[in-house]
Amino acid sequence: MNTTEPMQLRLEEMVGAFVRARELFPQAGRVIVAVSGGADSMALLAFALRRAGDWGCTVEAAHVNHGLRGAAADADEAFVAAFCAEHGIPLHRHSPAAAGIPVPDHPGEDWARRLRYDWFEQLAAARGAVIATAHTRTDQAETLLLRLARGSGLRGAAGIPVKRGCFVRPLLCVERADTESYCRALGVPWVQDATNDGDDYARNRVRHIAVPALETVNPAAVRALSDFCERMAALDGYFAQKADTLLLQAAAPQGWRLEPLCAADAPVRQAALLTILRRVCDPSARRLELAEKLLASGSGAVQLSPHARLRAGSGRIWLEYPADAERPAADLCMPLEPGEWALGGDFCVKIEILDAKFVPLGPDVYKKDLNSLADYAKIASSARLRTRQPGDRFAPRGRGVTKTLHRYFIEEKIPAPRRALWPLAADGSRVLWLWGAGFAEGTQPGPDTRQIIRITPIPRVEDVL
């Protein structure tokens, strides 16, 4: 793997610059490459082996055998294991059979994706690592076309995010043909998944028919579609910030005031409504349309799921849940900004951003105090102080496990009536900080930490007395 072909150098320069610009690899950290055995993932693993030292990173690999392709899947796993053994790469393996996870009668792509991503999140938390997946510009273009065909909005048009939670995607700056050329230049083998050859799956039909047709119109169609996703991602981030600000301005007890929502520009108002809807369901164009009509009428209700509805009346709008259902979330969502914040339900916190040079981290510091500290660089700018939402997962420090927040609340005997208001900080579904537990695994300060974020619960009056 020491060949210095022009293709190899070009790809490594492009991906290296992309990783640096987007800060995808942690300095002196750990990168776990998700490896299926295909050309894309083998190219990413080869790049990481050759260049991760530029960031002082250690490299590991992870492989999921979903158990859906019989001997072919076992052969792929054996191929990945042999390559990793030959090159001294620690390999983590996962399969539903070994983990005791039942396989449904008709498992689909969504089930397989949830299986591996749930495990990747647990692995990242346990190893204090980022998970690098091998999505390319070509995957981005295919994803965009699929989502547009299904009626996706702005967030769907943003495509596959470059970085979200523990996941990073260093190859979104190159195309699938580039990864195959890179592997050939280095003499890196790969396996071919036979299921990619047929047209049984929608993505394959887009890959084999739609993309080639578009390339007859514009030979650089894949890059154009990928660049479009990047512009949409920037717009989505902009409107998400505007939506957060609007919801904070409109905040009312157990809901939001109608007047500021109705007065907002339509794109910002719609982004705010989508933020509300995402707490209880996957938003659709139809649900957004009904929510807009409800907002305009000022009274009535829209059923969003079997367990939640959006209701308007008395000058406000709020999420309503049946009496026998636990609320998925309370009405709190705000950026992690320094200050003292009253969060409702008699919860208050103090958030500080500190220079690491002046924060003691030695063995004399109590564990409880250490758990209130995190490396600020490991906390995504998209993180929010909020209450629970469906799908939230938490990895308590030092335990080596990731739990659903629902399971954690039960095990810690958090009273059911208080769970809806229990404060936390999260990036997507990954809980980064939780009231009473502190920061999650993988956020600890280290020798290279420059800034520390400290979140301190402020005792309630009855606690002081």
Protein backbone atom coordinates (compact mmCIF):
# COMPACT_ATOMS: atom_id res chain seq x y z
CA MET A 1 0.00 0.00 0.00
CA ASN A 2 2.90 2.37 -0.72
CA THR A 3 2.18 3.15 -4.37
CA THR A 4 2.18 6.86 -5.20
CA GLU A 5 -0.17 7.04 -8.18
CA PRO A 6 -1.63 10.42 -9.24
CA MET A 7 -5.17 9.18 -8.49
CA GLN A 8 -4.16 8.18 -4.99
CA LEU A 9 -2.50 11.54 -4.31
CA ARG A 10 -5.43 13.50 -5.72
CA LEU A 11 -8.01 11.68 -3.60
CA GLU A 12 -5.93 11.89 -0.45
CA GLU A 13 -5.40 15.63 -0.95
CA MET A 14 -9.13 16.21 -1.55
CA VAL A 15 -10.31 14.09 1.36
CA GLY A 16 -7.59 15.39 3.67
CA ALA A 17 -8.54 19.01 2.94
CA PHE A 18 -12.23 18.15 3.43
CA VAL A 19 -11.55 16.47 6.78
CA ARG A 20 -9.51 19.45 7.98
CA ALA A 21 -12.02 22.05 6.82
CA ARG A 22 -14.96 20.24 8.45
CA GLU A 23 -12.99 19.08 11.52
CA LEU A 24 -14.15 15.49 11.02
CA PHE A 25 -11.27 13.68 12.74
CA PRO A 26 -10.57 14.47 16.41
CA GLN A 27 -7.02 15.51 17.23
CA ALA A 28 -5.29 12.59 18.97
CA GLY A 29 -8.63 10.79 19.05
CA ARG A 30 -10.05 7.52 17.76
CA VAL A 31 -11.69 6.95 14.37
CA ILE A 32 -13.75 3.81 13.78
CA VAL A 33 -14.37 3.16 10.09
CA ALA A 34 -17.65 1.41 9.25
CA VAL A 35 -16.55 -1.25 6.75
CA SER A 36 -18.90 -3.36 4.65
CA GLY A 37 -16.13 -4.63 2.38
CA GLY A 38 -17.27 -2.63 -0.65
CA ALA A 39 -15.00 -0.27 -2.58
CA ASP A 40 -16.18 2.89 -0.80
CA SER A 41 -15.60 1.60 2.73
CA MET A 42 -12.32 -0.10 1.82
CA ALA A 43 -11.10 3.15 0.27
CA LEU A 44 -12.03 5.03 3.44
CA LEU A 45 -10.27 2.45 5.61
CA ALA A 46 -7.15 2.68 3.42
CA PHE A 47 -7.21 6.49 3.60
CA ALA A 48 -7.60 6.40 7.38
CA LEU A 49 -4.69 3.98 7.73
CA ARG A 50 -2.43 6.14 5.58
CA ARG A 51 -3.44 9.61 6.73
CA ALA A 52 -5.11 9.49 10.17
CA GLY A 53 -1.64 9.99 11.63
CA ASP A 54 -1.85 13.57 10.33
CA TRP A 55 -4.34 14.14 13.15
CA GLY A 56 -2.66 11.79 15.63
CA CYS A 57 -5.68 9.47 15.40
CA THR A 58 -5.83 5.76 16.01
CA VAL A 59 -7.87 3.72 13.51
CA GLU A 60 -10.27 0.86 14.18
CA ALA A 61 -12.90 -0.84 12.03
CA ALA A 62 -16.49 -1.98 12.57
CA HIS A 63 -18.51 -4.47 10.54
CA VAL A 64 -22.19 -5.42 10.79
CA ASN A 65 -23.43 -8.75 9.47
CA HIS A 66 -27.19 -8.24 9.30
CA GLY A 67 -27.72 -11.96 8.71
CA LEU A 68 -29.92 -11.30 5.67
CA ARG A 69 -27.75 -12.64 2.82
CA GLY A 70 -26.67 -16.00 4.21
CA ALA A 71 -23.30 -17.27 3.02
CA ALA A 72 -22.60 -14.10 1.02
CA ALA A 73 -22.83 -11.96 4.17
CA ASP A 74 -20.59 -14.39 6.07
CA ALA A 75 -18.05 -14.23 3.23
CA ASP A 76 -18.05 -10.40 3.39
CA GLU A 77 -17.45 -10.54 7.14
CA ALA A 78 -14.58 -13.01 6.68
CA PHE A 79 -13.06 -10.77 3.99
CA VAL A 80 -13.13 -7.71 6.25
CA ALA A 81 -11.75 -9.70 9.19
CA ALA A 82 -8.86 -11.06 7.09
CA PHE A 83 -7.94 -7.60 5.76
CA CYS A 84 -8.00 -6.09 9.25
CA ALA A 85 -5.92 -8.94 10.67
CA GLU A 86 -3.35 -8.55 7.88
CA HIS A 87 -2.97 -4.82 8.55
CA GLY A 88 -3.23 -4.91 12.35
CA ILE A 89 -6.54 -3.04 12.53
CA PRO A 90 -8.73 -3.72 15.60
CA LEU A 91 -12.10 -4.94 14.31
CA HIS A 92 -15.46 -4.72 16.10
CA ARG A 93 -18.18 -7.06 14.80
CA HIS A 94 -21.93 -7.10 15.32
CA SER A 95 -24.79 -9.33 14.21
CA PRO A 96 -28.38 -9.68 15.40
CA ALA A 97 -27.87 -13.40 16.06
CA ALA A 98 -24.86 -12.85 18.33
CA ALA A 99 -26.59 -9.97 20.12
CA GLY A 100 -29.83 -11.89 20.62
CA ILE A 101 -31.81 -9.43 18.49
CA PRO A 102 -34.80 -11.02 16.73
CA VAL A 103 -34.93 -10.55 12.96
CA PRO A 104 -38.42 -9.63 11.70
CA ASP A 105 -40.15 -11.84 9.16
CA HIS A 106 -39.72 -9.24 6.44
CA PRO A 107 -36.70 -7.10 7.37
CA GLY A 108 -36.22 -4.13 5.09
CA GLU A 109 -33.55 -1.51 4.50
CA ASP A 110 -34.92 0.66 7.32
CA TRP A 111 -34.64 -2.17 9.85
CA ALA A 112 -31.06 -2.94 8.79
CA ARG A 113 -30.10 0.71 8.94
CA ARG A 114 -31.52 1.12 12.47
CA LEU A 115 -29.73 -2.04 13.58
CA ARG A 116 -26.29 -0.88 12.52
CA TYR A 117 -26.69 2.78 13.49
CA ASP A 118 -27.92 1.91 16.99
CA TRP A 119 -24.88 -0.32 17.43
CA PHE A 120 -22.52 2.27 15.94
CA GLU A 121 -23.76 4.84 18.47
CA GLN A 122 -23.18 2.43 21.34
CA LEU A 123 -19.73 1.55 20.03
CA ALA A 124 -18.78 5.21 19.61
CA ALA A 125 -19.83 5.99 23.17
CA ALA A 126 -18.00 2.99 24.61
CA ARG A 127 -14.78 3.71 22.67
CA GLY A 128 -14.88 7.51 22.84
CA ALA A 129 -14.67 7.59 19.04
CA VAL A 130 -16.20 9.03 15.92
CA ILE A 131 -17.75 6.64 13.39
CA ALA A 132 -16.60 7.34 9.82
CA THR A 133 -19.00 6.08 7.15
CA ALA A 134 -18.09 5.86 3.47
CA HIS A 135 -20.93 7.82 1.84
CA THR A 136 -19.76 9.55 -1.34
CA ARG A 137 -21.08 12.33 -3.56
CA THR A 138 -22.73 9.61 -5.61
CA ASP A 139 -24.68 8.41 -2.55
CA GLN A 140 -25.60 12.03 -1.87
CA ALA A 141 -27.00 12.50 -5.38
CA GLU A 142 -29.01 9.26 -5.19
CA THR A 143 -30.38 10.18 -1.76
CA LEU A 144 -31.46 13.61 -2.98
CA LEU A 145 -33.31 12.18 -5.99
CA LEU A 146 -35.08 9.59 -3.84
CA ARG A 147 -36.17 12.19 -1.30
CA LEU A 148 -37.37 14.69 -3.89
CA ALA A 149 -39.38 11.95 -5.60
CA ARG A 150 -41.04 11.20 -2.25
CA GLY A 151 -41.95 14.85 -1.65
CA SER A 152 -39.24 15.84 0.81
CA GLY A 153 -38.84 19.37 2.12
CA LEU A 154 -35.78 21.50 2.84
CA ARG A 155 -34.23 19.18 5.44
CA GLY A 156 -34.58 16.19 3.14
CA ALA A 157 -33.07 18.19 0.28
CA ALA A 158 -30.05 18.84 2.50
CA GLY A 159 -29.16 15.19 1.95
CA ILE A 160 -26.72 13.19 4.06
CA PRO A 161 -25.08 15.43 6.70
CA VAL A 162 -21.30 15.67 6.67
CA LYS A 163 -21.27 15.49 10.46
CA ARG A 164 -24.01 14.62 12.93
CA GLY A 165 -23.54 13.33 16.44
CA CYS A 166 -20.79 10.71 16.44
CA PHE A 167 -20.99 10.17 12.65
CA VAL A 168 -18.62 11.76 10.13
CA ARG A 169 -18.55 11.27 6.35
CA PRO A 170 -15.13 12.12 4.92
CA LEU A 171 -15.85 10.88 1.37
CA LEU A 172 -18.73 13.24 0.58
CA CYS A 173 -16.22 15.24 -1.45
CA VAL A 174 -15.51 12.42 -3.96
CA GLU A 175 -17.54 10.12 -6.21
CA ARG A 176 -17.91 6.34 -6.25
CA ALA A 177 -15.69 6.01 -9.31
CA ASP A 178 -12.93 7.81 -7.40
CA THR A 179 -12.98 5.29 -4.55
CA GLU A 180 -12.65 2.37 -6.95
CA SER A 181 -9.73 4.06 -8.73
CA TYR A 182 -8.10 4.75 -5.36
CA CYS A 183 -8.40 1.10 -4.33
CA ARG A 184 -6.90 -0.02 -7.64
CA ALA A 185 -4.00 2.42 -7.27
CA LEU A 186 -3.19 1.03 -3.82
CA GLY A 187 -3.92 -2.59 -4.64
CA VAL A 188 -6.67 -2.69 -2.03
CA PRO A 189 -9.23 -5.45 -2.71
CA TRP A 190 -12.97 -5.11 -2.20
CA VAL A 191 -16.08 -7.26 -2.46
CA GLN A 192 -19.09 -6.71 -4.69
CA ASP A 193 -22.55 -6.94 -3.11
CA ALA A 194 -24.68 -8.81 -5.65
CA THR A 195 -27.84 -7.08 -4.39
CA ASN A 196 -26.49 -3.84 -5.89
CA ASP A 197 -26.66 -5.31 -9.40
CA GLY A 198 -30.43 -5.78 -9.67
CA ASP A 199 -33.25 -3.25 -9.71
CA ASP A 200 -35.26 -4.68 -6.81
CA TYR A 201 -34.47 -1.70 -4.58
CA ALA A 202 -35.52 1.88 -5.34
CA ARG A 203 -31.97 3.16 -4.81
CA ASN A 204 -30.65 0.72 -7.40
CA ARG A 205 -33.18 1.95 -9.96
CA VAL A 206 -32.10 5.53 -9.30
CA ARG A 207 -28.45 4.45 -9.60
CA HIS A 208 -28.87 2.46 -12.81
CA ILE A 209 -31.47 4.56 -14.63
CA ALA A 210 -32.05 8.07 -13.24
CA VAL A 211 -28.44 9.14 -12.60
CA PRO A 212 -27.11 7.95 -16.01
CA ALA A 213 -30.01 9.76 -17.70
CA LEU A 214 -29.14 13.00 -15.90
CA GLU A 215 -25.48 12.59 -16.85
CA THR A 216 -26.51 12.73 -20.51
CA VAL A 217 -27.81 16.23 -19.75
CA ASN A 218 -24.84 17.24 -17.59
CA PRO A 219 -21.81 14.95 -17.27
CA ALA A 220 -21.16 16.56 -13.87
CA ALA A 221 -24.72 15.90 -12.65
CA VAL A 222 -23.58 14.01 -9.54
CA ARG A 223 -21.41 16.89 -8.40
CA ALA A 224 -24.15 19.42 -9.20
CA LEU A 225 -26.70 17.47 -7.14
CA SER A 226 -24.24 17.09 -4.26
CA ASP A 227 -23.43 20.81 -4.30
CA PHE A 228 -27.16 21.54 -4.24
CA CYS A 229 -27.47 19.45 -1.06
CA GLU A 230 -24.72 21.49 0.56
CA ARG A 231 -26.53 24.74 -0.21
CA MET A 232 -29.78 23.31 1.14
CA ALA A 233 -28.01 22.17 4.32
CA ALA A 234 -26.81 25.73 4.91
CA LEU A 235 -30.34 27.05 4.35
CA ASP A 236 -31.82 24.42 6.65
CA GLY A 237 -29.37 25.39 9.40
CA TYR A 238 -30.24 29.05 8.93
CA PHE A 239 -33.98 28.46 9.17
CA ALA A 240 -33.53 26.08 12.12
CA GLN A 241 -31.81 28.89 14.05
CA LYS A 242 -34.55 31.33 13.07
CA ALA A 243 -37.15 28.78 14.17
CA ASP A 244 -35.50 28.33 17.58
CA THR A 245 -35.45 32.10 18.09
CA LEU A 246 -39.10 32.43 17.07
CA LEU A 247 -40.22 29.62 19.39
CA LEU A 248 -38.34 31.21 22.29
CA GLN A 249 -40.02 34.56 21.56
CA ALA A 250 -43.42 32.88 21.31
CA ALA A 251 -42.97 30.67 24.38
CA ALA A 252 -45.96 30.51 26.72
CA PRO A 253 -46.86 28.18 29.59
CA GLN A 254 -47.26 24.72 28.02
CA GLY A 255 -47.10 26.02 24.46
CA TRP A 256 -46.51 29.01 22.19
CA ARG A 257 -48.38 32.27 21.55
CA LEU A 258 -50.14 32.47 18.20
CA GLU A 259 -49.49 36.16 17.54
CA PRO A 260 -45.68 36.04 16.99
CA LEU A 261 -45.98 32.77 15.07
CA CYS A 262 -48.60 34.17 12.69
CA ALA A 263 -46.64 37.41 12.25
CA ALA A 264 -43.42 35.64 11.23
CA ASP A 265 -42.33 35.25 7.61
CA ALA A 266 -43.78 32.09 6.10
CA PRO A 267 -40.48 30.14 5.76
CA VAL A 268 -39.54 30.85 9.39
CA ARG A 269 -43.05 30.05 10.62
CA GLN A 270 -43.02 26.76 8.72
CA ALA A 271 -39.58 25.89 10.12
CA ALA A 272 -40.91 26.56 13.63
CA LEU A 273 -43.95 24.35 13.03
CA LEU A 274 -41.71 21.58 11.70
CA THR A 275 -39.60 21.84 14.86
CA ILE A 276 -42.75 21.32 16.92
CA LEU A 277 -44.01 18.45 14.76
CA ARG A 278 -40.68 16.60 14.92
CA ARG A 279 -41.16 16.19 18.66
CA VAL A 280 -43.94 13.70 18.13
CA CYS A 281 -43.91 12.50 14.51
CA ASP A 282 -42.11 12.48 11.18
CA PRO A 283 -43.40 15.67 9.53
CA SER A 284 -45.04 15.38 6.12
CA ALA A 285 -46.22 18.04 3.71
CA ARG A 286 -49.80 17.17 4.66
CA ARG A 287 -49.17 17.52 8.41
CA LEU A 288 -47.44 20.86 7.87
CA GLU A 289 -50.36 22.07 5.76
CA LEU A 290 -52.83 21.10 8.50
CA ALA A 291 -50.70 22.78 11.17
CA GLU A 292 -50.61 25.99 9.11
CA LYS A 293 -54.41 25.95 8.77
CA LEU A 294 -54.76 25.36 12.51
CA LEU A 295 -52.48 28.31 13.21
CA ALA A 296 -54.52 30.54 10.90
CA SER A 297 -57.86 29.50 12.39
CA GLY A 298 -56.68 29.91 15.98
CA SER A 299 -58.79 27.04 17.31
CA GLY A 300 -59.21 23.31 16.85
CA ALA A 301 -56.82 20.37 16.78
CA VAL A 302 -54.79 18.25 14.36
CA GLN A 303 -54.04 14.61 15.15
CA LEU A 304 -50.31 14.05 14.57
CA SER A 305 -49.93 10.49 15.84
CA PRO A 306 -51.91 7.99 17.91
CA HIS A 307 -50.35 9.58 20.98
CA ALA A 308 -50.30 13.31 20.25
CA ARG A 309 -52.24 16.14 18.66
CA LEU A 310 -51.56 19.81 18.01
CA ARG A 311 -54.24 22.05 19.51
CA ALA A 312 -54.93 25.79 19.25
CA GLY A 313 -57.10 28.06 21.36
CA SER A 314 -57.06 31.07 23.69
CA GLY A 315 -54.32 32.74 21.67
CA ARG A 316 -51.83 29.91 21.84
CA ILE A 317 -50.89 26.56 20.29
CA TRP A 318 -49.67 23.50 22.16
CA LEU A 319 -49.01 19.77 21.96
CA GLU A 320 -51.63 17.67 23.68
CA TYR A 321 -51.29 14.07 24.82
CA PRO A 322 -53.87 11.54 26.02
CA ALA A 323 -54.07 11.28 29.78
CA ASP A 324 -52.74 7.71 29.72
CA ALA A 325 -49.69 8.50 27.54
CA GLU A 326 -46.37 9.86 28.73
CA ARG A 327 -45.47 13.16 27.10
CA PRO A 328 -42.57 12.72 24.67
CA ALA A 329 -41.28 16.22 25.34
CA ALA A 330 -42.02 19.39 27.23
CA ASP A 331 -41.88 22.77 25.54
CA LEU A 332 -38.21 23.59 26.06
CA CYS A 333 -35.59 23.99 23.35
CA MET A 334 -32.72 26.46 23.55
CA PRO A 335 -29.04 26.74 22.56
CA LEU A 336 -26.30 25.91 25.10
CA GLU A 337 -25.43 29.51 25.96
CA PRO A 338 -23.67 30.76 29.11
CA GLY A 339 -25.93 32.03 31.87
CA GLU A 340 -28.41 30.92 34.50
CA TRP A 341 -31.57 29.47 33.06
CA ALA A 342 -34.93 28.63 34.62
CA LEU A 343 -36.20 25.64 32.66
CA GLY A 344 -39.65 25.11 34.09
CA GLY A 345 -40.79 22.46 36.51
CA ASP A 346 -38.58 24.18 39.16
CA PHE A 347 -35.39 23.14 37.30
CA CYS A 348 -32.59 25.70 36.93
CA VAL A 349 -29.07 25.36 35.53
CA LYS A 350 -25.94 27.45 35.22
CA ILE A 351 -23.94 27.10 31.98
CA GLU A 352 -20.31 28.29 31.83
CA ILE A 353 -17.63 28.20 29.12
CA LEU A 354 -14.23 28.11 30.87
CA ASP A 355 -10.55 28.20 29.94
CA ALA A 356 -9.30 24.65 30.59
CA LYS A 357 -6.06 25.99 32.11
CA PHE A 358 -7.99 27.20 35.14
CA VAL A 359 -10.20 24.15 35.72
CA PRO A 360 -8.84 21.43 38.05
CA LEU A 361 -9.23 17.95 36.54
CA GLY A 362 -6.96 15.86 38.77
CA PRO A 363 -7.72 12.82 40.94
CA ASP A 364 -8.64 15.04 43.89
CA VAL A 365 -11.74 16.32 42.10
CA TYR A 366 -14.96 14.55 43.02
CA LYS A 367 -16.46 12.35 40.28
CA LYS A 368 -19.74 14.27 40.52
CA ASP A 369 -17.89 17.52 39.80
CA LEU A 370 -15.98 15.95 36.89
CA ASN A 371 -19.26 14.74 35.39
CA SER A 372 -20.43 18.34 35.17
CA LEU A 373 -17.50 19.14 32.84
CA ALA A 374 -17.00 18.41 29.14
CA ASP A 375 -14.61 19.32 26.36
CA TYR A 376 -16.45 22.17 24.64
CA ALA A 377 -15.02 21.13 21.25
CA LYS A 378 -16.83 17.78 21.61
CA ILE A 379 -20.21 19.48 21.98
CA ALA A 380 -21.74 20.19 18.57
CA SER A 381 -22.95 23.72 17.88
CA SER A 382 -26.32 22.18 16.98
CA ALA A 383 -26.75 20.83 20.55
CA ARG A 384 -29.81 22.10 22.39
CA LEU A 385 -30.93 22.30 26.00
CA ARG A 386 -34.32 20.64 25.98
CA THR A 387 -36.47 17.90 27.42
CA ARG A 388 -36.83 14.35 26.16
CA GLN A 389 -37.93 13.36 22.68
CA PRO A 390 -38.71 9.96 21.14
CA GLY A 391 -35.56 8.00 20.33
CA ASP A 392 -33.27 9.78 22.82
CA ARG A 393 -30.32 7.66 23.98
CA PHE A 394 -27.84 8.27 26.81
CA ALA A 395 -24.41 6.75 27.53
CA PRO A 396 -23.59 7.41 31.22
CA ARG A 397 -19.90 7.98 31.85
CA GLY A 398 -17.90 4.98 32.93
CA ARG A 399 -20.59 2.35 32.36
CA GLY A 400 -19.76 1.27 28.81
CA VAL A 401 -23.41 1.09 27.74
CA THR A 402 -25.91 3.23 25.85
CA LYS A 403 -29.53 3.16 27.00
CA THR A 404 -32.76 4.60 25.74
CA LEU A 405 -33.71 7.52 27.94
CA HIS A 406 -36.95 5.73 28.80
CA ARG A 407 -34.99 2.75 30.16
CA TYR A 408 -32.57 5.02 32.03
CA PHE A 409 -35.44 6.84 33.75
CA ILE A 410 -36.95 3.53 34.86
CA GLU A 411 -33.65 2.16 36.18
CA GLU A 412 -32.85 5.39 38.04
CA LYS A 413 -36.40 5.51 39.44
CA ILE A 414 -37.14 8.98 38.09
CA PRO A 415 -40.81 9.64 38.97
CA ALA A 416 -43.00 9.30 35.88
CA PRO A 417 -44.77 12.68 36.37
CA ARG A 418 -41.40 14.51 36.30
CA ARG A 419 -39.86 12.81 33.25
CA ALA A 420 -41.50 15.11 30.70
CA LEU A 421 -39.76 18.14 32.24
CA TRP A 422 -36.40 16.49 33.05
CA PRO A 423 -33.72 18.74 31.46
CA LEU A 424 -31.05 17.43 29.12
CA ALA A 425 -28.71 18.64 26.39
CA ALA A 426 -28.68 16.73 23.12
CA ASP A 427 -27.45 16.76 19.55
CA GLY A 428 -30.16 14.99 17.61
CA SER A 429 -31.08 11.85 19.56
CA ARG A 430 -27.70 11.65 21.33
CA VAL A 431 -28.07 12.95 24.89
CA LEU A 432 -24.88 14.82 25.82
CA TRP A 433 -25.85 15.95 29.35
CA LEU A 434 -28.62 14.84 31.68
CA TRP A 435 -29.86 16.39 34.90
CA GLY A 436 -28.58 14.34 37.84
CA ALA A 437 -26.11 12.31 35.74
CA GLY A 438 -23.91 14.93 34.09
CA PHE A 439 -22.20 14.64 30.72
CA ALA A 440 -22.21 11.51 28.59
CA GLU A 441 -19.39 9.14 27.74
CA GLY A 442 -17.12 10.51 25.01
CA THR A 443 -17.29 14.16 26.10
CA GLN A 444 -14.57 14.05 28.78
CA PRO A 445 -11.90 16.77 28.81
CA GLY A 446 -8.39 15.61 27.93
CA PRO A 447 -4.83 16.94 27.81
CA ASP A 448 -5.52 18.85 24.58
CA THR A 449 -8.77 20.43 25.78
CA ARG A 450 -8.76 24.21 25.40
CA GLN A 451 -12.24 25.14 26.58
CA ILE A 452 -14.54 23.41 29.04
CA ILE A 453 -18.29 23.66 29.26
CA ARG A 454 -19.71 23.25 32.76
CA ILE A 455 -23.41 22.72 33.41
CA THR A 456 -24.32 22.97 37.07
CA PRO A 457 -27.81 22.24 38.41
CA ILE A 458 -28.98 25.04 40.69
CA PRO A 459 -30.67 23.50 43.73
CA ARG A 460 -34.40 23.98 44.11
CA VAL A 461 -35.65 25.82 47.17
CA GLU A 462 -36.77 22.61 48.89
CA ASP A 463 -33.30 21.09 48.29
CA VAL A 464 -31.65 24.07 50.01
CA LEU A 465 -34.02 23.91 52.96
